[in-house]
Amino acid sequence: AVVSTQSTGDWYDRPGVYIKSYNRASKDKVFSSVEKAKAACEKDEGCGGVGLDKIPFRKKPGEAPIHDQTIYLLPGQNVQLMLQSGRPNQHRFNSYVKGGCKKKKDKKDKKDK
């Protein structure tokens, strides 16, 4: 059997939208791919999404890059607030919000009835 690394939940991909930076001081986990981060986020109820910073990840400034990009989890206290507070036209960042877009979910709910 082939195991898919694709995440199964609904996601709202926001290319070029900045929500929150990676906090190097907290030593939060970083991921090698968005798919791996999404899979980890789906298992974590406290996770609200995935952030991608196009700057390579290094353990310490000046060291050799470990990953081509910095991919990290976003806290999920209030996903809708995160979406509203996201700053567009931040070309260095992409954001992926767990739970999908509210409007898309509403349309899907109507089809199910």
C-alpha atoms as a PDB file:
ATOM      1  CA  ALA A   1       0.000   0.000   0.000  1.00  0.00           C
ATOM      2  CA  VAL A   2       1.196   3.472  -0.848  1.00  0.00           C
ATOM      3  CA  VAL A   3       1.047   5.883   2.062  1.00  0.00           C
ATOM      4  CA  SER A   4       0.279   9.440   1.026  1.00  0.00           C
ATOM      5  CA  THR A   5       2.184  12.245   2.721  1.00  0.00           C
ATOM      6  CA  GLN A   6      -0.570  14.688   1.753  1.00  0.00           C
ATOM      7  CA  SER A   7      -2.556  16.118   4.646  1.00  0.00           C
ATOM      8  CA  THR A   8      -6.185  15.062   4.809  1.00  0.00           C
ATOM      9  CA  GLY A   9      -7.901  18.073   6.393  1.00  0.00           C
ATOM     10  CA  ASP A  10      -9.075  21.302   4.841  1.00  0.00           C
ATOM     11  CA  TRP A  11      -6.378  23.952   4.484  1.00  0.00           C
ATOM     12  CA  TYR A  12      -6.517  27.566   3.417  1.00  0.00           C
ATOM     13  CA  ASP A  13      -3.291  28.312   1.541  1.00  0.00           C
ATOM     14  CA  ARG A  14      -2.286  31.971   1.730  1.00  0.00           C
ATOM     15  CA  PRO A  15       0.771  32.579  -0.481  1.00  0.00           C
ATOM     16  CA  GLY A  16       2.498  35.870   0.276  1.00  0.00           C
ATOM     17  CA  VAL A  17       0.647  36.323   3.584  1.00  0.00           C
ATOM     18  CA  TYR A  18       2.612  36.834   6.795  1.00  0.00           C
ATOM     19  CA  ILE A  19       0.952  35.787  10.074  1.00  0.00           C
ATOM     20  CA  LYS A  20       3.745  35.132  12.563  1.00  0.00           C
ATOM     21  CA  SER A  21       7.514  34.661  12.451  1.00  0.00           C
ATOM     22  CA  TYR A  22       9.430  31.613  13.590  1.00  0.00           C
ATOM     23  CA  ASN A  23      10.601  32.138  17.167  1.00  0.00           C
ATOM     24  CA  ARG A  24      14.221  30.965  17.241  1.00  0.00           C
ATOM     25  CA  ALA A  25      14.495  31.595  21.001  1.00  0.00           C
ATOM     26  CA  SER A  26      11.711  29.129  21.808  1.00  0.00           C
ATOM     27  CA  LYS A  27      13.479  26.411  19.767  1.00  0.00           C
ATOM     28  CA  ASP A  28      10.195  25.437  18.098  1.00  0.00           C
ATOM     29  CA  LYS A  29      10.434  22.491  15.731  1.00  0.00           C
ATOM     30  CA  VAL A  30      11.084  23.213  12.065  1.00  0.00           C
ATOM     31  CA  PHE A  31      10.084  20.940   9.210  1.00  0.00           C
ATOM     32  CA  SER A  32      11.692  19.928   5.928  1.00  0.00           C
ATOM     33  CA  SER A  33       8.435  20.318   3.958  1.00  0.00           C
ATOM     34  CA  VAL A  34       5.027  21.971   4.210  1.00  0.00           C
ATOM     35  CA  GLU A  35       3.373  18.534   3.861  1.00  0.00           C
ATOM     36  CA  LYS A  36       5.235  17.187   6.919  1.00  0.00           C
ATOM     37  CA  ALA A  37       4.357  20.314   8.910  1.00  0.00           C
ATOM     38  CA  LYS A  38       0.675  20.056   7.911  1.00  0.00           C
ATOM     39  CA  ALA A  39       0.606  16.393   8.991  1.00  0.00           C
ATOM     40  CA  ALA A  40       2.111  17.320  12.378  1.00  0.00           C
ATOM     41  CA  CYS A  41      -0.325  20.226  12.729  1.00  0.00           C
ATOM     42  CA  GLU A  42      -3.332  18.003  12.074  1.00  0.00           C
ATOM     43  CA  LYS A  43      -2.281  15.769  14.988  1.00  0.00           C
ATOM     44  CA  ASP A  44      -1.945  18.787  17.315  1.00  0.00           C
ATOM     45  CA  GLU A  45      -5.186  20.429  18.497  1.00  0.00           C
ATOM     46  CA  GLY A  46      -3.237  23.513  19.580  1.00  0.00           C
ATOM     47  CA  CYS A  47      -1.901  24.084  16.077  1.00  0.00           C
ATOM     48  CA  GLY A  48      -3.685  26.564  13.835  1.00  0.00           C
ATOM     49  CA  GLY A  49      -1.537  26.385  10.744  1.00  0.00           C
ATOM     50  CA  VAL A  50       1.863  26.312   9.118  1.00  0.00           C
ATOM     51  CA  GLY A  51       4.157  29.237   8.397  1.00  0.00           C
ATOM     52  CA  LEU A  52       6.813  29.275   5.693  1.00  0.00           C
ATOM     53  CA  ASP A  53       9.642  31.806   5.649  1.00  0.00           C
ATOM     54  CA  LYS A  54      11.655  31.634   2.417  1.00  0.00           C
ATOM     55  CA  ILE A  55      14.869  32.340   4.341  1.00  0.00           C
ATOM     56  CA  PRO A  56      16.939  29.124   4.818  1.00  0.00           C
ATOM     57  CA  PHE A  57      16.777  27.611   8.320  1.00  0.00           C
ATOM     58  CA  ARG A  58      20.026  27.626  10.300  1.00  0.00           C
ATOM     59  CA  LYS A  59      20.424  26.528  13.928  1.00  0.00           C
ATOM     60  CA  LYS A  60      22.501  29.665  14.535  1.00  0.00           C
ATOM     61  CA  PRO A  61      23.069  32.736  12.361  1.00  0.00           C
ATOM     62  CA  GLY A  62      26.049  32.244  10.057  1.00  0.00           C
ATOM     63  CA  GLU A  63      25.941  28.431  10.163  1.00  0.00           C
ATOM     64  CA  ALA A  64      25.305  26.305   7.079  1.00  0.00           C
ATOM     65  CA  PRO A  65      21.589  26.022   6.218  1.00  0.00           C
ATOM     66  CA  ILE A  66      19.815  22.859   7.412  1.00  0.00           C
ATOM     67  CA  HIS A  67      16.691  23.445   5.278  1.00  0.00           C
ATOM     68  CA  ASP A  68      16.185  25.624   2.192  1.00  0.00           C
ATOM     69  CA  GLN A  69      13.274  27.364   3.953  1.00  0.00           C
ATOM     70  CA  THR A  70      12.078  27.823   7.537  1.00  0.00           C
ATOM     71  CA  ILE A  71       8.797  25.904   7.949  1.00  0.00           C
ATOM     72  CA  TYR A  72       7.132  25.991  11.380  1.00  0.00           C
ATOM     73  CA  LEU A  73       3.778  25.555  13.134  1.00  0.00           C
ATOM     74  CA  LEU A  74       1.492  28.472  13.993  1.00  0.00           C
ATOM     75  CA  PRO A  75      -0.486  28.503  17.269  1.00  0.00           C
ATOM     76  CA  GLY A  76      -4.209  28.022  16.841  1.00  0.00           C
ATOM     77  CA  GLN A  77      -5.874  30.090  19.552  1.00  0.00           C
ATOM     78  CA  ASN A  78      -8.073  31.928  17.045  1.00  0.00           C
ATOM     79  CA  VAL A  79      -7.672  30.944  13.409  1.00  0.00           C
ATOM     80  CA  GLN A  80     -10.134  33.531  12.076  1.00  0.00           C
ATOM     81  CA  LEU A  81      -8.242  36.273  13.928  1.00  0.00           C
ATOM     82  CA  MET A  82      -4.993  34.931  12.433  1.00  0.00           C
ATOM     83  CA  LEU A  83      -6.514  35.172   8.962  1.00  0.00           C
ATOM     84  CA  GLN A  84      -7.684  38.742   9.533  1.00  0.00           C
ATOM     85  CA  SER A  85      -4.384  39.869  11.042  1.00  0.00           C
ATOM     86  CA  GLY A  86      -2.292  38.302   8.268  1.00  0.00           C
ATOM     87  CA  ARG A  87      -0.404  40.882   6.237  1.00  0.00           C
ATOM     88  CA  PRO A  88      -0.649  40.384   2.451  1.00  0.00           C
ATOM     89  CA  ASN A  89       2.096  41.183  -0.064  1.00  0.00           C
ATOM     90  CA  GLN A  90       4.821  39.780   2.181  1.00  0.00           C
ATOM     91  CA  HIS A  91       6.562  37.840  -0.573  1.00  0.00           C
ATOM     92  CA  ARG A  92       9.034  36.212   1.827  1.00  0.00           C
ATOM     93  CA  PHE A  93       6.230  34.316   3.607  1.00  0.00           C
ATOM     94  CA  ASN A  94       3.469  31.813   2.873  1.00  0.00           C
ATOM     95  CA  SER A  95       0.827  30.769   5.399  1.00  0.00           C
ATOM     96  CA  TYR A  96      -1.329  27.646   5.482  1.00  0.00           C
ATOM     97  CA  VAL A  97      -4.277  27.811   7.886  1.00  0.00           C
ATOM     98  CA  LYS A  98      -5.834  24.627   9.251  1.00  0.00           C
ATOM     99  CA  GLY A  99      -9.591  24.303   8.884  1.00  0.00           C
ATOM    100  CA  GLY A 100      -9.963  25.796   5.446  1.00  0.00           C
ATOM    101  CA  CYS A 101     -11.562  29.035   4.426  1.00  0.00           C
ATOM    102  CA  LYS A 102     -14.855  29.900   6.139  1.00  0.00           C
ATOM    103  CA  LYS A 103     -16.649  30.624   2.839  1.00  0.00           C
ATOM    104  CA  LYS A 104     -15.524  27.341   1.246  1.00  0.00           C
ATOM    105  CA  LYS A 105     -16.685  25.399   4.312  1.00  0.00           C
ATOM    106  CA  ASP A 106     -20.112  27.075   4.213  1.00  0.00           C
ATOM    107  CA  LYS A 107     -20.605  26.033   0.563  1.00  0.00           C
ATOM    108  CA  LYS A 108     -19.603  22.450   1.342  1.00  0.00           C
ATOM    109  CA  ASP A 109     -21.980  22.319   4.329  1.00  0.00           C
ATOM    110  CA  LYS A 110     -24.913  23.376   2.108  1.00  0.00           C
ATOM    111  CA  LYS A 111     -24.166  20.557  -0.379  1.00  0.00           C
ATOM    112  CA  ASP A 112     -24.244  17.981   2.429  1.00  0.00           C
ATOM    113  CA  LYS A 113     -27.811  18.900   3.425  1.00  0.00           C
END
